[in-house]
Amino acid sequence: MISQIIPKIPFIDKGKTIDYYKNLGFEFVADYDNYLIATYNNSELHFFEFKELVPSKSDFMLYLKISNNIDKFFEQIKAKNIEIHPNGNLETKPWGMKEFSLLDPNGTLLSFGEKI
């Protein structure tokens, strides 16, 4: 039986990736040189080294569900001067979610959403 799904996403520069995700609130619990594991509450992300990745050509994407108060989380992101994706401002979507998006240093699209 499947008990958990854990996405694996690429990193180019380990230090920049760790700093970026720590700024979002993730805690790095393992560093195996070219493989990282980060947690946020009960969620987990794995990162693998991909030096040849071109961020502007990356097709990697994650959807991170917010359980409550996406407005507060969005304000915290802006207060930390984390860049919001040009097409990713906080807005209510027709599918009943309030969402915003970021691009990590590796070109991975991070969309955050809360059910409304």
PDB file of N, CA and C in Angstrom:
ATOM      1  N   MET A   1       0.826  -1.191   0.000  1.00  0.00           N
ATOM      2  CA  MET A   1       0.000   0.000   0.000  1.00  0.00           C
ATOM      3  C   MET A   1       0.872   1.257   0.000  1.00  0.00           C
ATOM      4  N   ILE A   2       0.422   2.247  -0.703  1.00  0.00           N
ATOM      5  CA  ILE A   2       1.138   3.526  -0.713  1.00  0.00           C
ATOM      6  C   ILE A   2       0.781   4.284   0.559  1.00  0.00           C
ATOM      7  N   SER A   3       1.790   4.729   1.288  1.00  0.00           N
ATOM      8  CA  SER A   3       1.531   5.465   2.525  1.00  0.00           C
ATOM      9  C   SER A   3       1.909   6.939   2.422  1.00  0.00           C
ATOM     10  N   GLN A   4       2.724   7.283   1.427  1.00  0.00           N
ATOM     11  CA  GLN A   4       3.151   8.674   1.279  1.00  0.00           C
ATOM     12  C   GLN A   4       3.735   8.854  -0.117  1.00  0.00           C
ATOM     13  N   ILE A   5       3.519  10.030  -0.686  1.00  0.00           N
ATOM     14  CA  ILE A   5       4.132  10.380  -1.962  1.00  0.00           C
ATOM     15  C   ILE A   5       5.140  11.484  -1.688  1.00  0.00           C
ATOM     16  N   ILE A   6       6.379  11.278  -2.132  1.00  0.00           N
ATOM     17  CA  ILE A   6       7.443  12.246  -1.883  1.00  0.00           C
ATOM     18  C   ILE A   6       8.037  12.670  -3.218  1.00  0.00           C
ATOM     19  N   PRO A   7       7.849  13.940  -3.592  1.00  0.00           N
ATOM     20  CA  PRO A   7       8.427  14.401  -4.863  1.00  0.00           C
ATOM     21  C   PRO A   7       9.945  14.520  -4.786  1.00  0.00           C
ATOM     22  N   LYS A   8      10.586  14.263  -5.918  1.00  0.00           N
ATOM     23  CA  LYS A   8      12.029  14.441  -6.070  1.00  0.00           C
ATOM     24  C   LYS A   8      12.229  15.520  -7.124  1.00  0.00           C
ATOM     25  N   ILE A   9      12.915  16.604  -6.746  1.00  0.00           N
ATOM     26  CA  ILE A   9      13.132  17.711  -7.670  1.00  0.00           C
ATOM     27  C   ILE A   9      14.624  18.033  -7.760  1.00  0.00           C
ATOM     28  N   PRO A  10      15.035  18.655  -8.841  1.00  0.00           N
ATOM     29  CA  PRO A  10      16.466  18.873  -9.076  1.00  0.00           C
ATOM     30  C   PRO A  10      17.012  20.111  -8.377  1.00  0.00           C
ATOM     31  N   PHE A  11      18.313  20.067  -8.145  1.00  0.00           N
ATOM     32  CA  PHE A  11      19.038  21.268  -7.736  1.00  0.00           C
ATOM     33  C   PHE A  11      20.315  21.381  -8.550  1.00  0.00           C
ATOM     34  N   ILE A  12      20.703  22.623  -8.794  1.00  0.00           N
ATOM     35  CA  ILE A  12      21.963  22.904  -9.489  1.00  0.00           C
ATOM     36  C   ILE A  12      23.024  23.269  -8.462  1.00  0.00           C
ATOM     37  N   ASP A  13      22.701  24.250  -7.644  1.00  0.00           N
ATOM     38  CA  ASP A  13      23.605  24.734  -6.602  1.00  0.00           C
ATOM     39  C   ASP A  13      22.998  24.382  -5.248  1.00  0.00           C
ATOM     40  N   LYS A  14      23.649  23.469  -4.537  1.00  0.00           N
ATOM     41  CA  LYS A  14      23.112  22.971  -3.275  1.00  0.00           C
ATOM     42  C   LYS A  14      22.898  24.097  -2.262  1.00  0.00           C
ATOM     43  N   GLY A  15      23.860  24.984  -2.108  1.00  0.00           N
ATOM     44  CA  GLY A  15      23.760  26.058  -1.125  1.00  0.00           C
ATOM     45  C   GLY A  15      22.586  26.984  -1.392  1.00  0.00           C
ATOM     46  N   LYS A  16      22.421  27.378  -2.653  1.00  0.00           N
ATOM     47  CA  LYS A  16      21.296  28.261  -3.014  1.00  0.00           C
ATOM     48  C   LYS A  16      19.960  27.569  -2.773  1.00  0.00           C
ATOM     49  N   THR A  17      19.906  26.278  -3.089  1.00  0.00           N
ATOM     50  CA  THR A  17      18.666  25.523  -2.902  1.00  0.00           C
ATOM     51  C   THR A  17      18.330  25.408  -1.421  1.00  0.00           C
ATOM     52  N   ILE A  18      19.299  25.066  -0.607  1.00  0.00           N
ATOM     53  CA  ILE A  18      19.065  24.964   0.838  1.00  0.00           C
ATOM     54  C   ILE A  18      18.610  26.304   1.392  1.00  0.00           C
ATOM     55  N   ASP A  19      19.291  27.373   1.043  1.00  0.00           N
ATOM     56  CA  ASP A  19      18.913  28.710   1.541  1.00  0.00           C
ATOM     57  C   ASP A  19      17.493  29.068   1.129  1.00  0.00           C
ATOM     58  N   TYR A  20      17.152  28.814  -0.128  1.00  0.00           N
ATOM     59  CA  TYR A  20      15.829  29.179  -0.644  1.00  0.00           C
ATOM     60  C   TYR A  20      14.726  28.437   0.120  1.00  0.00           C
ATOM     61  N   TYR A  21      14.868  27.131   0.240  1.00  0.00           N
ATOM     62  CA  TYR A  21      13.814  26.343   0.883  1.00  0.00           C
ATOM     63  C   TYR A  21      13.775  26.560   2.394  1.00  0.00           C
ATOM     64  N   LYS A  22      14.900  26.824   3.015  1.00  0.00           N
ATOM     65  CA  LYS A  22      14.890  27.194   4.442  1.00  0.00           C
ATOM     66  C   LYS A  22      14.121  28.490   4.640  1.00  0.00           C
ATOM     67  N   ASN A  23      14.279  29.423   3.722  1.00  0.00           N
ATOM     68  CA  ASN A  23      13.561  30.692   3.780  1.00  0.00           C
ATOM     69  C   ASN A  23      12.048  30.480   3.656  1.00  0.00           C
ATOM     70  N   LEU A  24      11.645  29.408   2.972  1.00  0.00           N
ATOM     71  CA  LEU A  24      10.219  29.069   2.876  1.00  0.00           C
ATOM     72  C   LEU A  24       9.712  28.335   4.115  1.00  0.00           C
ATOM     73  N   GLY A  25      10.621  27.909   4.983  1.00  0.00           N
ATOM     74  CA  GLY A  25      10.234  27.223   6.213  1.00  0.00           C
ATOM     75  C   GLY A  25      10.581  25.747   6.263  1.00  0.00           C
ATOM     76  N   PHE A  26      11.275  25.242   5.248  1.00  0.00           N
ATOM     77  CA  PHE A  26      11.677  23.833   5.255  1.00  0.00           C
ATOM     78  C   PHE A  26      12.897  23.628   6.137  1.00  0.00           C
ATOM     79  N   GLU A  27      13.008  22.439   6.689  1.00  0.00           N
ATOM     80  CA  GLU A  27      14.168  22.044   7.480  1.00  0.00           C
ATOM     81  C   GLU A  27      14.874  20.910   6.745  1.00  0.00           C
ATOM     82  N   PHE A  28      16.172  21.044   6.555  1.00  0.00           N
ATOM     83  CA  PHE A  28      16.930  19.991   5.878  1.00  0.00           C
ATOM     84  C   PHE A  28      17.397  18.979   6.912  1.00  0.00           C
ATOM     85  N   VAL A  29      16.981  17.726   6.698  1.00  0.00           N
ATOM     86  CA  VAL A  29      17.252  16.674   7.673  1.00  0.00           C
ATOM     87  C   VAL A  29      18.316  15.692   7.192  1.00  0.00           C
ATOM     88  N   ALA A  30      18.692  15.784   5.900  1.00  0.00           N
ATOM     89  CA  ALA A  30      19.731  14.886   5.389  1.00  0.00           C
ATOM     90  C   ALA A  30      20.432  15.538   4.203  1.00  0.00           C
ATOM     91  N   ASP A  31      21.751  15.357   4.173  1.00  0.00           N
ATOM     92  CA  ASP A  31      22.578  15.878   3.080  1.00  0.00           C
ATOM     93  C   ASP A  31      23.561  14.782   2.695  1.00  0.00           C
ATOM     94  N   TYR A  32      23.321  14.175   1.538  1.00  0.00           N
ATOM     95  CA  TYR A  32      24.176  13.107   1.033  1.00  0.00           C
ATOM     96  C   TYR A  32      24.980  13.585  -0.165  1.00  0.00           C
ATOM     97  N   ASP A  33      25.486  14.801  -0.068  1.00  0.00           N
ATOM     98  CA  ASP A  33      26.297  15.441  -1.102  1.00  0.00           C
ATOM     99  C   ASP A  33      25.476  15.801  -2.329  1.00  0.00           C
ATOM    100  N   ASN A  34      25.052  14.823  -3.117  1.00  0.00           N
ATOM    101  CA  ASN A  34      24.275  15.131  -4.320  1.00  0.00           C
ATOM    102  C   ASN A  34      22.799  14.752  -4.167  1.00  0.00           C
ATOM    103  N   TYR A  35      22.365  14.565  -2.912  1.00  0.00           N
ATOM    104  CA  TYR A  35      20.975  14.225  -2.612  1.00  0.00           C
ATOM    105  C   TYR A  35      20.608  14.826  -1.268  1.00  0.00           C
ATOM    106  N   LEU A  36      19.487  15.544  -1.228  1.00  0.00           N
ATOM    107  CA  LEU A  36      19.045  16.237  -0.016  1.00  0.00           C
ATOM    108  C   LEU A  36      17.632  15.810   0.350  1.00  0.00           C
ATOM    109  N   ILE A  37      17.333  15.872   1.645  1.00  0.00           N
ATOM    110  CA  ILE A  37      15.976  15.620   2.120  1.00  0.00           C
ATOM    111  C   ILE A  37      15.582  16.772   3.028  1.00  0.00           C
ATOM    112  N   ALA A  38      14.404  17.350   2.736  1.00  0.00           N
ATOM    113  CA  ALA A  38      13.884  18.463   3.530  1.00  0.00           C
ATOM    114  C   ALA A  38      12.470  18.128   4.000  1.00  0.00           C
ATOM    115  N   THR A  39      12.089  18.676   5.150  1.00  0.00           N
ATOM    116  CA  THR A  39      10.745  18.458   5.680  1.00  0.00           C
ATOM    117  C   THR A  39      10.095  19.785   6.039  1.00  0.00           C
ATOM    118  N   TYR A  40       8.777  19.755   6.023  1.00  0.00           N
ATOM    119  CA  TYR A  40       7.953  20.887   6.463  1.00  0.00           C
ATOM    120  C   TYR A  40       6.711  20.251   7.068  1.00  0.00           C
ATOM    121  N   ASN A  41       6.577  20.335   8.389  1.00  0.00           N
ATOM    122  CA  ASN A  41       5.510  19.624   9.097  1.00  0.00           C
ATOM    123  C   ASN A  41       5.560  18.158   8.699  1.00  0.00           C
ATOM    124  N   ASN A  42       4.488  17.620   8.146  1.00  0.00           N
ATOM    125  CA  ASN A  42       4.447  16.202   7.760  1.00  0.00           C
ATOM    126  C   ASN A  42       4.797  15.971   6.293  1.00  0.00           C
ATOM    127  N   SER A  43       5.244  17.015   5.613  1.00  0.00           N
ATOM    128  CA  SER A  43       5.599  16.889   4.199  1.00  0.00           C
ATOM    129  C   SER A  43       7.104  16.729   4.038  1.00  0.00           C
ATOM    130  N   GLU A  44       7.485  16.112   2.939  1.00  0.00           N
ATOM    131  CA  GLU A  44       8.895  15.846   2.688  1.00  0.00           C
ATOM    132  C   GLU A  44       9.200  16.086   1.218  1.00  0.00           C
ATOM    133  N   LEU A  45      10.347  16.690   0.943  1.00  0.00           N
ATOM    134  CA  LEU A  45      10.849  16.872  -0.412  1.00  0.00           C
ATOM    135  C   LEU A  45      12.225  16.246  -0.498  1.00  0.00           C
ATOM    136  N   HIS A  46      12.503  15.605  -1.616  1.00  0.00           N
ATOM    137  CA  HIS A  46      13.838  15.095  -1.890  1.00  0.00           C
ATOM    138  C   HIS A  46      14.386  15.884  -3.078  1.00  0.00           C
ATOM    139  N   PHE A  47      15.665  16.150  -3.044  1.00  0.00           N
ATOM    140  CA  PHE A  47      16.335  16.921  -4.093  1.00  0.00           C
ATOM    141  C   PHE A  47      17.501  16.107  -4.628  1.00  0.00           C
ATOM    142  N   PHE A  48      17.655  16.093  -5.935  1.00  0.00           N
ATOM    143  CA  PHE A  48      18.788  15.401  -6.549  1.00  0.00           C
ATOM    144  C   PHE A  48      19.592  16.401  -7.370  1.00  0.00           C
ATOM    145  N   GLU A  49      20.894  16.213  -7.416  1.00  0.00           N
ATOM    146  CA  GLU A  49      21.772  17.107  -8.164  1.00  0.00           C
ATOM    147  C   GLU A  49      21.574  16.912  -9.664  1.00  0.00           C
ATOM    148  N   PHE A  50      21.437  18.045 -10.366  1.00  0.00           N
ATOM    149  CA  PHE A  50      21.255  18.035 -11.823  1.00  0.00           C
ATOM    150  C   PHE A  50      21.970  19.280 -12.350  1.00  0.00           C
ATOM    151  N   LYS A  51      23.298  19.192 -12.434  1.00  0.00           N
ATOM    152  CA  LYS A  51      24.146  20.338 -12.787  1.00  0.00           C
ATOM    153  C   LYS A  51      23.854  20.890 -14.182  1.00  0.00           C
ATOM    154  N   GLU A  52      23.389  20.034 -15.101  1.00  0.00           N
ATOM    155  CA  GLU A  52      23.165  20.462 -16.485  1.00  0.00           C
ATOM    156  C   GLU A  52      21.808  21.135 -16.686  1.00  0.00           C
ATOM    157  N   LEU A  53      20.975  21.159 -15.654  1.00  0.00           N
ATOM    158  CA  LEU A  53      19.645  21.756 -15.766  1.00  0.00           C
ATOM    159  C   LEU A  53      19.749  23.235 -16.106  1.00  0.00           C
ATOM    160  N   VAL A  54      18.945  23.681 -17.040  1.00  0.00           N
ATOM    161  CA  VAL A  54      18.839  25.092 -17.386  1.00  0.00           C
ATOM    162  C   VAL A  54      17.526  25.581 -16.762  1.00  0.00           C
ATOM    163  N   PRO A  55      17.597  26.422 -15.721  1.00  0.00           N
ATOM    164  CA  PRO A  55      16.378  26.819 -15.002  1.00  0.00           C
ATOM    165  C   PRO A  55      15.271  27.362 -15.898  1.00  0.00           C
ATOM    166  N   SER A  56      15.613  28.136 -16.907  1.00  0.00           N
ATOM    167  CA  SER A  56      14.584  28.725 -17.777  1.00  0.00           C
ATOM    168  C   SER A  56      13.899  27.677 -18.657  1.00  0.00           C
ATOM    169  N   LYS A  57      14.466  26.483 -18.721  1.00  0.00           N
ATOM    170  CA  LYS A  57      13.882  25.416 -19.538  1.00  0.00           C
ATOM    171  C   LYS A  57      13.325  24.276 -18.687  1.00  0.00           C
ATOM    172  N   SER A  58      13.314  24.473 -17.367  1.00  0.00           N
ATOM    173  CA  SER A  58      12.842  23.422 -16.467  1.00  0.00           C
ATOM    174  C   SER A  58      11.338  23.220 -16.592  1.00  0.00           C
ATOM    175  N   ASP A  59      10.913  21.965 -16.578  1.00  0.00           N
ATOM    176  CA  ASP A  59       9.497  21.614 -16.593  1.00  0.00           C
ATOM    177  C   ASP A  59       9.044  21.057 -15.245  1.00  0.00           C
ATOM    178  N   PHE A  60       9.892  21.159 -14.221  1.00  0.00           N
ATOM    179  CA  PHE A  60       9.543  20.621 -12.914  1.00  0.00           C
ATOM    180  C   PHE A  60       8.554  21.549 -12.220  1.00  0.00           C
ATOM    181  N   MET A  61       7.531  20.960 -11.582  1.00  0.00           N
ATOM    182  CA  MET A  61       6.497  21.734 -10.891  1.00  0.00           C
ATOM    183  C   MET A  61       6.033  20.980  -9.645  1.00  0.00           C
ATOM    184  N   LEU A  62       5.705  21.747  -8.612  1.00  0.00           N
ATOM    185  CA  LEU A  62       5.107  21.188  -7.404  1.00  0.00           C
ATOM    186  C   LEU A  62       3.886  22.006  -7.029  1.00  0.00           C
ATOM    187  N   TYR A  63       2.876  21.351  -6.487  1.00  0.00           N
ATOM    188  CA  TYR A  63       1.713  22.039  -5.934  1.00  0.00           C
ATOM    189  C   TYR A  63       1.723  21.758  -4.443  1.00  0.00           C
ATOM    190  N   LEU A  64       1.810  22.818  -3.648  1.00  0.00           N
ATOM    191  CA  LEU A  64       1.886  22.688  -2.195  1.00  0.00           C
ATOM    192  C   LEU A  64       0.602  23.249  -1.591  1.00  0.00           C
ATOM    193  N   LYS A  65      -0.152  22.383  -0.949  1.00  0.00           N
ATOM    194  CA  LYS A  65      -1.431  22.782  -0.375  1.00  0.00           C
ATOM    195  C   LYS A  65      -1.224  23.434   0.984  1.00  0.00           C
ATOM    196  N   ILE A  66      -1.888  24.552   1.167  1.00  0.00           N
ATOM    197  CA  ILE A  66      -1.857  25.277   2.437  1.00  0.00           C
ATOM    198  C   ILE A  66      -3.131  24.912   3.194  1.00  0.00           C
ATOM    199  N   SER A  67      -2.990  24.578   4.470  1.00  0.00           N
ATOM    200  CA  SER A  67      -4.171  24.133   5.223  1.00  0.00           C
ATOM    201  C   SER A  67      -5.006  25.284   5.765  1.00  0.00           C
ATOM    202  N   ASN A  68      -4.383  26.418   6.017  1.00  0.00           N
ATOM    203  CA  ASN A  68      -5.159  27.578   6.461  1.00  0.00           C
ATOM    204  C   ASN A  68      -4.339  28.851   6.325  1.00  0.00           C
ATOM    205  N   ASN A  69      -5.023  29.925   6.019  1.00  0.00           N
ATOM    206  CA  ASN A  69      -4.471  31.276   5.979  1.00  0.00           C
ATOM    207  C   ASN A  69      -3.365  31.474   4.938  1.00  0.00           C
ATOM    208  N   ILE A  70      -3.698  31.206   3.700  1.00  0.00           N
ATOM    209  CA  ILE A  70      -2.744  31.430   2.609  1.00  0.00           C
ATOM    210  C   ILE A  70      -2.388  32.912   2.495  1.00  0.00           C
ATOM    211  N   ASP A  71      -3.332  33.784   2.874  1.00  0.00           N
ATOM    212  CA  ASP A  71      -3.050  35.226   2.823  1.00  0.00           C
ATOM    213  C   ASP A  71      -1.872  35.579   3.726  1.00  0.00           C
ATOM    214  N   LYS A  72      -1.850  35.026   4.926  1.00  0.00           N
ATOM    215  CA  LYS A  72      -0.755  35.280   5.870  1.00  0.00           C
ATOM    216  C   LYS A  72       0.556  34.718   5.322  1.00  0.00           C
ATOM    217  N   PHE A  73       0.499  33.492   4.794  1.00  0.00           N
ATOM    218  CA  PHE A  73       1.708  32.880   4.238  1.00  0.00           C
ATOM    219  C   PHE A  73       2.241  33.710   3.073  1.00  0.00           C
ATOM    220  N   PHE A  74       1.349  34.187   2.208  1.00  0.00           N
ATOM    221  CA  PHE A  74       1.733  35.031   1.076  1.00  0.00           C
ATOM    222  C   PHE A  74       2.422  36.309   1.562  1.00  0.00           C
ATOM    223  N   GLU A  75       1.878  36.933   2.589  1.00  0.00           N
ATOM    224  CA  GLU A  75       2.482  38.153   3.148  1.00  0.00           C
ATOM    225  C   GLU A  75       3.858  37.866   3.742  1.00  0.00           C
ATOM    226  N   GLN A  76       4.013  36.706   4.382  1.00  0.00           N
ATOM    227  CA  GLN A  76       5.326  36.324   4.928  1.00  0.00           C
ATOM    228  C   GLN A  76       6.348  36.151   3.804  1.00  0.00           C
ATOM    229  N   ILE A  77       5.930  35.548   2.701  1.00  0.00           N
ATOM    230  CA  ILE A  77       6.810  35.352   1.542  1.00  0.00           C
ATOM    231  C   ILE A  77       7.258  36.716   1.008  1.00  0.00           C
ATOM    232  N   LYS A  78       6.297  37.629   0.841  1.00  0.00           N
ATOM    233  CA  LYS A  78       6.634  38.959   0.331  1.00  0.00           C
ATOM    234  C   LYS A  78       7.534  39.710   1.309  1.00  0.00           C
ATOM    235  N   ALA A  79       7.303  39.571   2.609  1.00  0.00           N
ATOM    236  CA  ALA A  79       8.120  40.253   3.618  1.00  0.00           C
ATOM    237  C   ALA A  79       9.569  39.765   3.590  1.00  0.00           C
ATOM    238  N   LYS A  80       9.777  38.530   3.157  1.00  0.00           N
ATOM    239  CA  LYS A  80      11.123  37.965   3.038  1.00  0.00           C
ATOM    240  C   LYS A  80      11.759  38.300   1.692  1.00  0.00           C
ATOM    241  N   ASN A  81      11.064  39.091   0.879  1.00  0.00           N
ATOM    242  CA  ASN A  81      11.534  39.478  -0.457  1.00  0.00           C
ATOM    243  C   ASN A  81      11.769  38.285  -1.374  1.00  0.00           C
ATOM    244  N   ILE A  82      10.962  37.239  -1.199  1.00  0.00           N
ATOM    245  CA  ILE A  82      10.999  36.103  -2.110  1.00  0.00           C
ATOM    246  C   ILE A  82      10.170  36.500  -3.321  1.00  0.00           C
ATOM    247  N   GLU A  83      10.760  36.382  -4.489  1.00  0.00           N
ATOM    248  CA  GLU A  83      10.114  36.847  -5.711  1.00  0.00           C
ATOM    249  C   GLU A  83       8.907  35.986  -6.084  1.00  0.00           C
ATOM    250  N   ILE A  84       7.781  36.654  -6.322  1.00  0.00           N
ATOM    251  CA  ILE A  84       6.567  35.998  -6.783  1.00  0.00           C
ATOM    252  C   ILE A  84       6.690  35.819  -8.300  1.00  0.00           C
ATOM    253  N   HIS A  85       6.252  34.672  -8.806  1.00  0.00           N
ATOM    254  CA  HIS A  85       6.270  34.428 -10.252  1.00  0.00           C
ATOM    255  C   HIS A  85       5.491  35.544 -10.952  1.00  0.00           C
ATOM    256  N   PRO A  86       5.968  36.042 -12.101  1.00  0.00           N
ATOM    257  CA  PRO A  86       5.276  37.139 -12.795  1.00  0.00           C
ATOM    258  C   PRO A  86       3.797  36.866 -13.075  1.00  0.00           C
ATOM    259  N   ASN A  87       3.443  35.608 -13.292  1.00  0.00           N
ATOM    260  CA  ASN A  87       2.038  35.247 -13.527  1.00  0.00           C
ATOM    261  C   ASN A  87       1.432  34.551 -12.314  1.00  0.00           C
ATOM    262  N   GLY A  88       2.044  34.730 -11.146  1.00  0.00           N
ATOM    263  CA  GLY A  88       1.634  33.941  -9.994  1.00  0.00           C
ATOM    264  C   GLY A  88       1.153  34.713  -8.794  1.00  0.00           C
ATOM    265  N   ASN A  89       0.568  35.890  -8.994  1.00  0.00           N
ATOM    266  CA  ASN A  89       0.058  36.641  -7.846  1.00  0.00           C
ATOM    267  C   ASN A  89      -1.092  35.898  -7.172  1.00  0.00           C
ATOM    268  N   LEU A  90      -1.289  36.186  -5.918  1.00  0.00           N
ATOM    269  CA  LEU A  90      -2.340  35.547  -5.133  1.00  0.00           C
ATOM    270  C   LEU A  90      -3.706  35.886  -5.724  1.00  0.00           C
ATOM    271  N   GLU A  91      -4.453  34.844  -6.074  1.00  0.00           N
ATOM    272  CA  GLU A  91      -5.792  35.064  -6.621  1.00  0.00           C
ATOM    273  C   GLU A  91      -6.646  33.819  -6.449  1.00  0.00           C
ATOM    274  N   THR A  92      -7.947  34.025  -6.488  1.00  0.00           N
ATOM    275  CA  THR A  92      -8.901  32.927  -6.408  1.00  0.00           C
ATOM    276  C   THR A  92      -9.109  32.361  -7.809  1.00  0.00           C
ATOM    277  N   LYS A  93      -8.994  31.053  -7.906  1.00  0.00           N
ATOM    278  CA  LYS A  93      -9.116  30.360  -9.183  1.00  0.00           C
ATOM    279  C   LYS A  93     -10.523  29.781  -9.348  1.00  0.00           C
ATOM    280  N   PRO A  94     -10.958  29.556 -10.593  1.00  0.00           N
ATOM    281  CA  PRO A  94     -12.300  29.012 -10.836  1.00  0.00           C
ATOM    282  C   PRO A  94     -12.510  27.619 -10.227  1.00  0.00           C
ATOM    283  N   TRP A  95     -11.441  26.896  -9.925  1.00  0.00           N
ATOM    284  CA  TRP A  95     -11.555  25.540  -9.387  1.00  0.00           C
ATOM    285  C   TRP A  95     -11.620  25.523  -7.861  1.00  0.00           C
ATOM    286  N   GLY A  96     -11.900  26.698  -7.263  1.00  0.00           N
ATOM    287  CA  GLY A  96     -12.143  26.757  -5.831  1.00  0.00           C
ATOM    288  C   GLY A  96     -10.899  26.787  -4.966  1.00  0.00           C
ATOM    289  N   MET A  97      -9.801  27.260  -5.517  1.00  0.00           N
ATOM    290  CA  MET A  97      -8.553  27.384  -4.759  1.00  0.00           C
ATOM    291  C   MET A  97      -8.072  28.831  -4.825  1.00  0.00           C
ATOM    292  N   LYS A  98      -7.450  29.275  -3.753  1.00  0.00           N
ATOM    293  CA  LYS A  98      -6.753  30.557  -3.735  1.00  0.00           C
ATOM    294  C   LYS A  98      -5.279  30.199  -3.856  1.00  0.00           C
ATOM    295  N   GLU A  99      -4.591  30.775  -4.855  1.00  0.00           N
ATOM    296  CA  GLU A  99      -3.238  30.315  -5.190  1.00  0.00           C
ATOM    297  C   GLU A  99      -2.281  31.462  -5.484  1.00  0.00           C
ATOM    298  N   PHE A 100      -0.981  31.138  -5.337  1.00  0.00           N
ATOM    299  CA  PHE A 100       0.099  31.977  -5.852  1.00  0.00           C
ATOM    300  C   PHE A 100       1.256  31.068  -6.205  1.00  0.00           C
ATOM    301  N   SER A 101       2.228  31.600  -6.971  1.00  0.00           N
ATOM    302  CA  SER A 101       3.336  30.767  -7.452  1.00  0.00           C
ATOM    303  C   SER A 101       4.684  31.471  -7.325  1.00  0.00           C
ATOM    304  N   LEU A 102       5.710  30.650  -7.172  1.00  0.00           N
ATOM    305  CA  LEU A 102       7.104  31.089  -7.104  1.00  0.00           C
ATOM    306  C   LEU A 102       7.924  30.227  -8.055  1.00  0.00           C
ATOM    307  N   LEU A 103       9.119  30.704  -8.386  1.00  0.00           N
ATOM    308  CA  LEU A 103      10.104  29.879  -9.095  1.00  0.00           C
ATOM    309  C   LEU A 103      11.316  29.734  -8.197  1.00  0.00           C
ATOM    310  N   ASP A 104      11.718  28.502  -7.923  1.00  0.00           N
ATOM    311  CA  ASP A 104      12.914  28.317  -7.105  1.00  0.00           C
ATOM    312  C   ASP A 104      14.162  28.580  -7.948  1.00  0.00           C
ATOM    313  N   PRO A 105      15.348  28.594  -7.351  1.00  0.00           N
ATOM    314  CA  PRO A 105      16.571  28.922  -8.111  1.00  0.00           C
ATOM    315  C   PRO A 105      16.889  27.948  -9.244  1.00  0.00           C
ATOM    316  N   ASN A 106      16.222  26.794  -9.240  1.00  0.00           N
ATOM    317  CA  ASN A 106      16.474  25.768 -10.247  1.00  0.00           C
ATOM    318  C   ASN A 106      15.416  25.762 -11.346  1.00  0.00           C
ATOM    319  N   GLY A 107      14.490  26.709 -11.287  1.00  0.00           N
ATOM    320  CA  GLY A 107      13.437  26.798 -12.293  1.00  0.00           C
ATOM    321  C   GLY A 107      12.211  25.968 -11.980  1.00  0.00           C
ATOM    322  N   THR A 108      12.139  25.358 -10.800  1.00  0.00           N
ATOM    323  CA  THR A 108      10.963  24.581 -10.415  1.00  0.00           C
ATOM    324  C   THR A 108       9.838  25.529 -10.019  1.00  0.00           C
ATOM    325  N   LEU A 109       8.679  25.358 -10.640  1.00  0.00           N
ATOM    326  CA  LEU A 109       7.506  26.156 -10.319  1.00  0.00           C
ATOM    327  C   LEU A 109       6.878  25.610  -9.050  1.00  0.00           C
ATOM    328  N   LEU A 110       6.729  26.469  -8.049  1.00  0.00           N
ATOM    329  CA  LEU A 110       6.082  26.111  -6.802  1.00  0.00           C
ATOM    330  C   LEU A 110       4.758  26.851  -6.724  1.00  0.00           C
ATOM    331  N   SER A 111       3.662  26.127  -6.815  1.00  0.00           N
ATOM    332  CA  SER A 111       2.333  26.730  -6.687  1.00  0.00           C
ATOM    333  C   SER A 111       1.775  26.368  -5.319  1.00  0.00           C
ATOM    334  N   PHE A 112       1.318  27.368  -4.598  1.00  0.00           N
ATOM    335  CA  PHE A 112       0.743  27.188  -3.276  1.00  0.00           C
ATOM    336  C   PHE A 112      -0.749  27.440  -3.373  1.00  0.00           C
ATOM    337  N   GLY A 113      -1.565  26.598  -2.766  1.00  0.00           N
ATOM    338  CA  GLY A 113      -3.000  26.772  -2.867  1.00  0.00           C
ATOM    339  C   GLY A 113      -3.725  26.377  -1.605  1.00  0.00           C
ATOM    340  N   GLU A 114      -4.837  27.081  -1.365  1.00  0.00           N
ATOM    341  CA  GLU A 114      -5.713  26.788  -0.244  1.00  0.00           C
ATOM    342  C   GLU A 114      -7.139  26.678  -0.759  1.00  0.00           C
ATOM    343  N   LYS A 115      -7.839  25.643  -0.334  1.00  0.00           N
ATOM    344  CA  LYS A 115      -9.235  25.461  -0.736  1.00  0.00           C
ATOM    345  C   LYS A 115     -10.071  26.557  -0.092  1.00  0.00           C
ATOM    346  N   ILE A 116     -10.963  27.149  -0.919  1.00  0.00           N
ATOM    347  CA  ILE A 116     -11.818  28.207  -0.368  1.00  0.00           C
ATOM    348  C   ILE A 116     -13.268  27.731  -0.297  1.00  0.00           C
TER     349      ILE A 116
END
